[in-house]
N, C-alpha and C. Protein backbone atom coordinates (compact mmCIF):
# COMPACT_ATOMS: atom_id res chain seq x y z
N MET A 1 16.86 11.82 -107.09
CA MET A 1 16.24 11.33 -108.31
C MET A 1 16.49 9.84 -108.44
N ALA A 2 15.43 9.10 -108.70
CA ALA A 2 15.54 7.65 -108.84
C ALA A 2 16.22 7.30 -110.16
N ALA A 3 16.91 6.16 -110.20
CA ALA A 3 17.52 5.69 -111.43
C ALA A 3 16.41 5.39 -112.45
N LYS A 4 16.71 5.59 -113.73
CA LYS A 4 15.70 5.37 -114.76
C LYS A 4 15.32 3.89 -114.84
N LYS A 5 14.03 3.64 -114.71
CA LYS A 5 13.52 2.28 -114.71
C LYS A 5 13.00 1.86 -116.07
N GLY A 6 12.75 2.83 -116.94
CA GLY A 6 12.21 2.47 -118.24
C GLY A 6 11.49 3.63 -118.88
N SER A 7 10.93 3.34 -120.04
CA SER A 7 10.27 4.34 -120.85
C SER A 7 8.82 3.92 -121.09
N ILE A 8 7.90 4.84 -120.84
CA ILE A 8 6.47 4.54 -120.93
C ILE A 8 5.82 5.46 -121.96
N LEU A 9 5.00 4.89 -122.83
CA LEU A 9 4.18 5.66 -123.76
C LEU A 9 2.81 5.83 -123.11
N ILE A 10 2.42 7.07 -122.88
CA ILE A 10 1.11 7.38 -122.29
C ILE A 10 0.20 7.86 -123.42
N VAL A 11 -0.85 7.10 -123.70
CA VAL A 11 -1.81 7.46 -124.75
C VAL A 11 -3.08 7.90 -124.04
N GLU A 12 -3.20 9.20 -123.86
CA GLU A 12 -4.28 9.79 -123.05
C GLU A 12 -4.61 11.16 -123.62
N ASP A 13 -5.89 11.39 -123.94
CA ASP A 13 -6.28 12.67 -124.54
C ASP A 13 -6.52 13.77 -123.51
N ASP A 14 -6.68 13.44 -122.25
CA ASP A 14 -6.82 14.46 -121.20
C ASP A 14 -5.41 14.91 -120.81
N ALA A 15 -5.03 16.09 -121.30
CA ALA A 15 -3.65 16.58 -121.11
C ALA A 15 -3.27 16.69 -119.64
N ASP A 16 -4.21 17.14 -118.80
CA ASP A 16 -3.90 17.27 -117.38
C ASP A 16 -3.65 15.91 -116.73
N LEU A 17 -4.50 14.94 -117.06
CA LEU A 17 -4.32 13.59 -116.51
C LEU A 17 -3.02 12.98 -117.02
N ALA A 18 -2.74 13.16 -118.31
CA ALA A 18 -1.51 12.61 -118.88
C ALA A 18 -0.29 13.21 -118.18
N ALA A 19 -0.31 14.53 -117.94
CA ALA A 19 0.81 15.19 -117.26
C ALA A 19 0.94 14.69 -115.82
N MET A 20 -0.18 14.48 -115.15
CA MET A 20 -0.16 13.98 -113.78
C MET A 20 0.43 12.56 -113.73
N ILE A 21 0.01 11.73 -114.68
CA ILE A 21 0.54 10.35 -114.74
C ILE A 21 2.03 10.38 -115.05
N ALA A 22 2.43 11.22 -116.00
CA ALA A 22 3.86 11.31 -116.36
C ALA A 22 4.68 11.76 -115.17
N ALA A 23 4.16 12.73 -114.39
CA ALA A 23 4.89 13.21 -113.21
C ALA A 23 4.99 12.10 -112.16
N ALA A 24 3.91 11.37 -111.95
CA ALA A 24 3.93 10.28 -110.97
C ALA A 24 4.91 9.19 -111.39
N LEU A 25 4.90 8.85 -112.67
CA LEU A 25 5.84 7.84 -113.16
C LEU A 25 7.26 8.37 -113.14
N GLY A 26 7.43 9.65 -113.42
CA GLY A 26 8.76 10.27 -113.36
C GLY A 26 9.34 10.20 -111.97
N SER A 27 8.51 10.42 -110.96
CA SER A 27 9.00 10.35 -109.58
C SER A 27 9.41 8.93 -109.19
N ALA A 28 8.89 7.94 -109.95
CA ALA A 28 9.26 6.54 -109.71
C ALA A 28 10.40 6.09 -110.62
N GLY A 29 10.94 7.02 -111.42
CA GLY A 29 12.10 6.71 -112.24
C GLY A 29 11.81 6.35 -113.69
N PHE A 30 10.60 6.57 -114.16
CA PHE A 30 10.26 6.27 -115.55
C PHE A 30 10.27 7.53 -116.40
N ASP A 31 10.75 7.41 -117.64
CA ASP A 31 10.60 8.47 -118.64
C ASP A 31 9.26 8.24 -119.32
N SER A 32 8.58 9.31 -119.70
CA SER A 32 7.29 9.18 -120.36
C SER A 32 7.23 10.00 -121.63
N THR A 33 6.50 9.46 -122.60
CA THR A 33 6.14 10.17 -123.82
C THR A 33 4.62 10.18 -123.87
N ILE A 34 4.04 11.33 -124.18
CA ILE A 34 2.58 11.46 -124.18
C ILE A 34 2.07 11.64 -125.60
N CYS A 35 1.03 10.86 -125.95
CA CYS A 35 0.30 11.02 -127.21
C CYS A 35 -1.17 11.16 -126.85
N GLY A 36 -1.84 12.12 -127.47
CA GLY A 36 -3.25 12.33 -127.19
C GLY A 36 -4.19 11.72 -128.20
N PHE A 37 -3.63 11.09 -129.24
CA PHE A 37 -4.45 10.53 -130.30
C PHE A 37 -3.97 9.11 -130.63
N GLY A 38 -4.90 8.27 -131.00
CA GLY A 38 -4.58 6.89 -131.32
C GLY A 38 -3.64 6.75 -132.50
N GLN A 39 -3.92 7.47 -133.61
CA GLN A 39 -3.07 7.37 -134.79
C GLN A 39 -1.64 7.78 -134.48
N LYS A 40 -1.47 8.84 -133.71
CA LYS A 40 -0.12 9.28 -133.34
C LYS A 40 0.57 8.24 -132.46
N ALA A 41 -0.20 7.60 -131.59
CA ALA A 41 0.36 6.56 -130.72
C ALA A 41 0.82 5.36 -131.54
N ILE A 42 0.06 4.99 -132.54
CA ILE A 42 0.43 3.86 -133.40
C ILE A 42 1.75 4.16 -134.10
N ILE A 43 1.92 5.41 -134.54
CA ILE A 43 3.16 5.81 -135.20
C ILE A 43 4.30 5.89 -134.20
N ALA A 44 4.03 6.43 -133.00
CA ALA A 44 5.08 6.65 -132.00
C ALA A 44 5.52 5.37 -131.30
N ALA A 45 4.64 4.39 -131.24
CA ALA A 45 4.95 3.16 -130.49
C ALA A 45 6.14 2.43 -131.10
N SER A 46 6.97 1.93 -130.21
CA SER A 46 8.13 1.15 -130.66
C SER A 46 8.49 0.15 -129.57
N PRO A 47 9.28 -0.86 -129.92
CA PRO A 47 9.68 -1.84 -128.92
C PRO A 47 10.62 -1.25 -127.87
N GLU A 48 11.07 -0.02 -128.07
CA GLU A 48 11.92 0.64 -127.09
C GLU A 48 11.13 1.03 -125.83
N PHE A 49 9.82 1.14 -125.96
CA PHE A 49 9.00 1.44 -124.79
C PHE A 49 8.90 0.18 -123.93
N ASP A 50 8.94 0.39 -122.63
CA ASP A 50 8.84 -0.73 -121.70
C ASP A 50 7.40 -1.05 -121.34
N ALA A 51 6.50 -0.11 -121.57
CA ALA A 51 5.07 -0.34 -121.34
C ALA A 51 4.31 0.80 -122.02
N ILE A 52 3.03 0.54 -122.28
CA ILE A 52 2.14 1.53 -122.86
C ILE A 52 0.91 1.63 -121.99
N LEU A 53 0.57 2.86 -121.60
CA LEU A 53 -0.69 3.13 -120.91
C LEU A 53 -1.65 3.67 -121.96
N LEU A 54 -2.77 3.01 -122.16
CA LEU A 54 -3.67 3.32 -123.26
C LEU A 54 -5.07 3.65 -122.75
N ASP A 55 -5.52 4.87 -123.04
CA ASP A 55 -6.89 5.27 -122.73
C ASP A 55 -7.83 4.51 -123.67
N ARG A 56 -8.92 4.05 -123.15
CA ARG A 56 -9.87 3.31 -123.98
C ARG A 56 -10.64 4.20 -124.93
N PHE A 57 -10.87 5.46 -124.54
CA PHE A 57 -11.64 6.39 -125.36
C PHE A 57 -10.74 7.53 -125.81
N LEU A 58 -10.44 7.57 -127.11
CA LEU A 58 -9.59 8.62 -127.67
C LEU A 58 -10.40 9.41 -128.70
N PRO A 59 -9.99 10.63 -129.00
CA PRO A 59 -10.78 11.46 -129.91
C PRO A 59 -10.88 10.93 -131.33
N ASP A 60 -9.83 10.25 -131.82
CA ASP A 60 -9.82 9.83 -133.21
C ASP A 60 -10.15 8.35 -133.43
N MET A 61 -10.01 7.55 -132.39
CA MET A 61 -10.31 6.12 -132.52
C MET A 61 -10.41 5.49 -131.14
N GLY A 62 -10.98 4.32 -131.09
CA GLY A 62 -11.11 3.64 -129.81
C GLY A 62 -9.82 2.95 -129.39
N GLY A 63 -9.65 2.82 -128.10
CA GLY A 63 -8.48 2.12 -127.58
C GLY A 63 -8.38 0.69 -128.07
N GLU A 64 -9.52 0.05 -128.32
CA GLU A 64 -9.50 -1.31 -128.84
C GLU A 64 -8.82 -1.37 -130.21
N GLU A 65 -9.08 -0.35 -131.04
CA GLU A 65 -8.45 -0.29 -132.36
C GLU A 65 -6.95 -0.07 -132.25
N VAL A 66 -6.56 0.79 -131.32
CA VAL A 66 -5.13 1.06 -131.12
C VAL A 66 -4.46 -0.21 -130.62
N LEU A 67 -5.08 -0.88 -129.66
CA LEU A 67 -4.55 -2.13 -129.12
C LEU A 67 -4.41 -3.17 -130.24
N ALA A 68 -5.41 -3.26 -131.11
CA ALA A 68 -5.36 -4.22 -132.22
C ALA A 68 -4.20 -3.88 -133.16
N ALA A 69 -3.95 -2.60 -133.39
CA ALA A 69 -2.83 -2.19 -134.24
C ALA A 69 -1.50 -2.58 -133.59
N PHE A 70 -1.39 -2.40 -132.29
CA PHE A 70 -0.18 -2.81 -131.57
C PHE A 70 0.02 -4.32 -131.69
N GLU A 71 -1.04 -5.07 -131.50
CA GLU A 71 -0.97 -6.53 -131.54
C GLU A 71 -0.65 -7.03 -132.94
N ALA A 72 -1.09 -6.30 -133.97
CA ALA A 72 -0.82 -6.70 -135.35
C ALA A 72 0.62 -6.44 -135.75
N ASN A 73 1.32 -5.63 -134.99
CA ASN A 73 2.72 -5.31 -135.28
C ASN A 73 3.63 -6.25 -134.49
N PRO A 74 4.33 -7.16 -135.16
CA PRO A 74 5.15 -8.15 -134.43
C PRO A 74 6.20 -7.52 -133.52
N THR A 75 6.67 -6.32 -133.86
CA THR A 75 7.70 -5.69 -133.02
C THR A 75 7.12 -5.09 -131.75
N LEU A 76 5.80 -4.95 -131.69
CA LEU A 76 5.17 -4.34 -130.50
C LEU A 76 4.50 -5.35 -129.58
N ARG A 77 4.36 -6.58 -130.01
CA ARG A 77 3.62 -7.56 -129.22
C ARG A 77 4.20 -7.80 -127.84
N GLU A 78 5.49 -7.58 -127.67
CA GLU A 78 6.12 -7.83 -126.38
C GLU A 78 6.05 -6.63 -125.44
N VAL A 79 5.55 -5.50 -125.94
CA VAL A 79 5.41 -4.31 -125.09
C VAL A 79 4.08 -4.42 -124.34
N PRO A 80 4.11 -4.49 -123.01
CA PRO A 80 2.86 -4.63 -122.27
C PRO A 80 2.00 -3.37 -122.37
N VAL A 81 0.71 -3.58 -122.59
CA VAL A 81 -0.25 -2.49 -122.70
C VAL A 81 -1.22 -2.57 -121.52
N ILE A 82 -1.32 -1.45 -120.81
CA ILE A 82 -2.28 -1.33 -119.71
C ILE A 82 -3.34 -0.34 -120.16
N VAL A 83 -4.59 -0.79 -120.21
CA VAL A 83 -5.68 0.07 -120.66
C VAL A 83 -6.28 0.78 -119.45
N MET A 84 -6.62 2.06 -119.65
CA MET A 84 -7.27 2.86 -118.60
C MET A 84 -8.61 3.34 -119.15
N SER A 85 -9.62 3.35 -118.28
CA SER A 85 -10.93 3.83 -118.71
C SER A 85 -11.81 4.14 -117.51
N VAL A 86 -12.77 5.01 -117.74
CA VAL A 86 -13.77 5.27 -116.71
C VAL A 86 -14.79 4.15 -116.67
N ASP A 87 -14.82 3.33 -117.71
CA ASP A 87 -15.77 2.24 -117.83
C ASP A 87 -15.14 0.96 -117.31
N GLY A 88 -15.67 0.45 -116.21
CA GLY A 88 -15.14 -0.78 -115.63
C GLY A 88 -15.99 -2.00 -115.94
N ASP A 89 -16.82 -1.91 -116.98
CA ASP A 89 -17.68 -3.01 -117.36
C ASP A 89 -16.86 -4.28 -117.57
N ARG A 90 -17.24 -5.35 -116.90
CA ARG A 90 -16.46 -6.60 -116.94
C ARG A 90 -16.32 -7.17 -118.35
N GLN A 91 -17.35 -7.04 -119.17
CA GLN A 91 -17.27 -7.56 -120.53
C GLN A 91 -16.21 -6.82 -121.34
N TRP A 92 -16.15 -5.49 -121.17
CA TRP A 92 -15.14 -4.71 -121.88
C TRP A 92 -13.74 -5.05 -121.36
N VAL A 93 -13.63 -5.19 -120.06
CA VAL A 93 -12.33 -5.53 -119.47
C VAL A 93 -11.86 -6.86 -120.04
N ALA A 94 -12.73 -7.86 -120.04
CA ALA A 94 -12.37 -9.18 -120.57
C ALA A 94 -12.01 -9.09 -122.05
N ARG A 95 -12.77 -8.32 -122.80
CA ARG A 95 -12.51 -8.17 -124.23
C ARG A 95 -11.13 -7.55 -124.49
N LEU A 96 -10.79 -6.52 -123.72
CA LEU A 96 -9.49 -5.86 -123.90
C LEU A 96 -8.34 -6.76 -123.46
N LEU A 97 -8.53 -7.47 -122.36
CA LEU A 97 -7.49 -8.41 -121.91
C LEU A 97 -7.31 -9.53 -122.93
N ASP A 98 -8.41 -10.03 -123.48
CA ASP A 98 -8.33 -11.05 -124.52
C ASP A 98 -7.68 -10.49 -125.78
N GLY A 99 -7.81 -9.17 -125.99
CA GLY A 99 -7.24 -8.52 -127.17
C GLY A 99 -5.78 -8.19 -127.06
N GLY A 100 -5.17 -8.48 -125.90
CA GLY A 100 -3.73 -8.27 -125.78
C GLY A 100 -3.28 -7.38 -124.63
N ALA A 101 -4.20 -6.68 -124.00
CA ALA A 101 -3.81 -5.85 -122.84
C ALA A 101 -3.36 -6.76 -121.70
N VAL A 102 -2.41 -6.29 -120.90
CA VAL A 102 -1.96 -7.08 -119.76
C VAL A 102 -2.65 -6.67 -118.47
N ASP A 103 -3.29 -5.51 -118.49
CA ASP A 103 -3.95 -5.02 -117.28
C ASP A 103 -4.98 -3.98 -117.68
N TYR A 104 -5.88 -3.67 -116.75
CA TYR A 104 -6.95 -2.70 -116.99
C TYR A 104 -7.14 -1.91 -115.70
N ILE A 105 -7.08 -0.60 -115.82
CA ILE A 105 -7.21 0.28 -114.65
C ILE A 105 -8.44 1.17 -114.85
N VAL A 106 -9.29 1.20 -113.84
CA VAL A 106 -10.48 2.05 -113.90
C VAL A 106 -10.12 3.43 -113.37
N LYS A 107 -10.50 4.46 -114.13
CA LYS A 107 -10.29 5.85 -113.71
C LYS A 107 -11.41 6.23 -112.76
N PRO A 108 -11.17 7.12 -111.83
CA PRO A 108 -9.91 7.85 -111.64
C PRO A 108 -8.84 6.92 -111.08
N VAL A 109 -7.64 7.09 -111.60
CA VAL A 109 -6.55 6.19 -111.23
C VAL A 109 -5.96 6.59 -109.89
N ARG A 110 -5.57 5.59 -109.14
CA ARG A 110 -4.78 5.82 -107.93
C ARG A 110 -3.33 5.75 -108.37
N LEU A 111 -2.62 6.84 -108.21
CA LEU A 111 -1.27 6.92 -108.75
C LEU A 111 -0.33 5.89 -108.14
N ASP A 112 -0.51 5.57 -106.86
CA ASP A 112 0.36 4.56 -106.26
C ASP A 112 0.12 3.18 -106.89
N VAL A 113 -1.14 2.87 -107.16
CA VAL A 113 -1.47 1.59 -107.79
C VAL A 113 -1.00 1.59 -109.25
N LEU A 114 -1.17 2.72 -109.93
CA LEU A 114 -0.71 2.83 -111.31
C LEU A 114 0.80 2.60 -111.40
N ARG A 115 1.56 3.25 -110.53
CA ARG A 115 3.02 3.06 -110.52
C ARG A 115 3.37 1.59 -110.29
N ALA A 116 2.68 0.96 -109.35
CA ALA A 116 2.96 -0.45 -109.04
C ALA A 116 2.62 -1.35 -110.22
N ARG A 117 1.51 -1.09 -110.90
CA ARG A 117 1.13 -1.92 -112.04
C ARG A 117 2.08 -1.72 -113.22
N VAL A 118 2.50 -0.48 -113.44
CA VAL A 118 3.47 -0.22 -114.51
C VAL A 118 4.79 -0.91 -114.17
N SER A 119 5.23 -0.80 -112.94
CA SER A 119 6.47 -1.46 -112.52
C SER A 119 6.37 -2.97 -112.72
N ALA A 120 5.24 -3.56 -112.38
CA ALA A 120 5.07 -5.00 -112.54
C ALA A 120 5.09 -5.38 -114.02
N ALA A 121 4.45 -4.59 -114.87
CA ALA A 121 4.45 -4.88 -116.31
C ALA A 121 5.85 -4.78 -116.88
N VAL A 122 6.61 -3.78 -116.45
CA VAL A 122 7.98 -3.61 -116.94
C VAL A 122 8.86 -4.76 -116.46
N ARG A 123 8.71 -5.16 -115.21
CA ARG A 123 9.49 -6.31 -114.71
C ARG A 123 9.21 -7.56 -115.52
N THR A 124 7.94 -7.79 -115.83
CA THR A 124 7.55 -8.96 -116.61
C THR A 124 8.17 -8.90 -118.00
N LYS A 125 8.13 -7.72 -118.63
CA LYS A 125 8.75 -7.57 -119.95
C LYS A 125 10.24 -7.84 -119.89
N ARG A 126 10.90 -7.30 -118.90
CA ARG A 126 12.35 -7.50 -118.77
C ARG A 126 12.70 -8.97 -118.53
N ARG A 127 11.90 -9.66 -117.74
CA ARG A 127 12.13 -11.09 -117.51
C ARG A 127 11.99 -11.87 -118.81
N ALA A 128 10.97 -11.53 -119.58
CA ALA A 128 10.77 -12.21 -120.87
C ALA A 128 11.94 -11.93 -121.80
N GLU A 129 12.45 -10.70 -121.80
CA GLU A 129 13.61 -10.35 -122.63
C GLU A 129 14.83 -11.17 -122.21
N ARG A 130 15.05 -11.28 -120.89
CA ARG A 130 16.19 -12.06 -120.40
C ARG A 130 16.05 -13.54 -120.80
N LEU A 131 14.84 -14.08 -120.71
CA LEU A 131 14.62 -15.47 -121.11
C LEU A 131 14.88 -15.67 -122.59
N ARG A 132 14.43 -14.73 -123.43
CA ARG A 132 14.68 -14.84 -124.87
C ARG A 132 16.18 -14.78 -125.16
N GLU A 133 16.89 -13.89 -124.47
CA GLU A 133 18.33 -13.78 -124.66
C GLU A 133 19.02 -15.07 -124.21
N GLU A 134 18.59 -15.64 -123.12
CA GLU A 134 19.16 -16.89 -122.64
C GLU A 134 18.89 -18.02 -123.64
N GLU A 135 17.69 -18.04 -124.21
CA GLU A 135 17.37 -19.04 -125.23
C GLU A 135 18.29 -18.89 -126.44
N ARG A 136 18.55 -17.65 -126.87
CA ARG A 136 19.45 -17.41 -128.00
C ARG A 136 20.87 -17.87 -127.65
N ARG A 137 21.32 -17.58 -126.44
CA ARG A 137 22.65 -17.99 -126.00
C ARG A 137 22.75 -19.52 -125.99
N LEU A 138 21.74 -20.18 -125.47
CA LEU A 138 21.75 -21.65 -125.44
C LEU A 138 21.71 -22.23 -126.85
N GLU A 139 20.96 -21.62 -127.72
CA GLU A 139 20.89 -22.10 -129.11
C GLU A 139 22.25 -21.96 -129.79
N ARG A 140 22.95 -20.85 -129.55
CA ARG A 140 24.30 -20.67 -130.10
C ARG A 140 25.25 -21.74 -129.54
N ALA A 141 25.17 -21.99 -128.23
CA ALA A 141 26.03 -23.00 -127.61
C ALA A 141 25.72 -24.38 -128.19
N LYS A 142 24.46 -24.67 -128.39
CA LYS A 142 24.06 -25.95 -128.97
C LYS A 142 24.63 -26.09 -130.38
N SER A 143 24.54 -25.03 -131.17
CA SER A 143 25.10 -25.07 -132.53
C SER A 143 26.61 -25.28 -132.51
N GLU A 144 27.28 -24.60 -131.59
CA GLU A 144 28.72 -24.76 -131.47
C GLU A 144 29.08 -26.20 -131.08
N LEU A 145 28.36 -26.73 -130.12
CA LEU A 145 28.62 -28.12 -129.70
C LEU A 145 28.32 -29.10 -130.84
N GLN A 146 27.26 -28.82 -131.60
CA GLN A 146 26.92 -29.69 -132.73
C GLN A 146 28.04 -29.64 -133.77
N SER A 147 28.60 -28.47 -134.00
CA SER A 147 29.71 -28.32 -134.96
C SER A 147 30.93 -29.09 -134.49
N ILE A 148 31.23 -29.00 -133.22
CA ILE A 148 32.37 -29.74 -132.66
C ILE A 148 32.12 -31.24 -132.79
N TYR A 149 30.95 -31.68 -132.45
CA TYR A 149 30.59 -33.10 -132.56
C TYR A 149 30.73 -33.57 -133.99
N ASP A 150 30.16 -32.79 -134.93
CA ASP A 150 30.22 -33.15 -136.33
C ASP A 150 31.67 -33.23 -136.82
N SER A 151 32.53 -32.33 -136.37
CA SER A 151 33.92 -32.34 -136.82
C SER A 151 34.70 -33.53 -136.25
N LEU A 152 34.24 -34.08 -135.13
CA LEU A 152 34.90 -35.25 -134.54
C LEU A 152 34.45 -36.56 -135.19
N GLN A 153 33.36 -36.51 -135.91
CA GLN A 153 32.84 -37.73 -136.55
C GLN A 153 33.64 -38.17 -137.73
């Protein structure tokens, strides 16, 4: 069993496809949570997820609406969203990428490519988290040095 690499929210209404994706990601070391509806995904989404796989066509709302809800939530903006759809129309792809998605996968998905894209999205998120933490550490050090300087004046 591979070491846990992260947690993925799968927003997909096709239960068989969602289970297949979860199994493929599980074999690569990811934990998965599956939501079949957009509203449930909006409620379930949290910054604890390392990435979100989002179907463009859901029974209760469009993937664009779900993506917009994620983007409107400041705590979710840093979670990479990969949209999946049977529709590979370039205008839709551009629109979703402009709307906040980090990647777009045309179905039927190749599981090896999906795993690689999820891994890349998670790596990018983790790098951004490390950079933010380093910025906070440097800001604290700067404040401490400023306090020392001020006390010497």
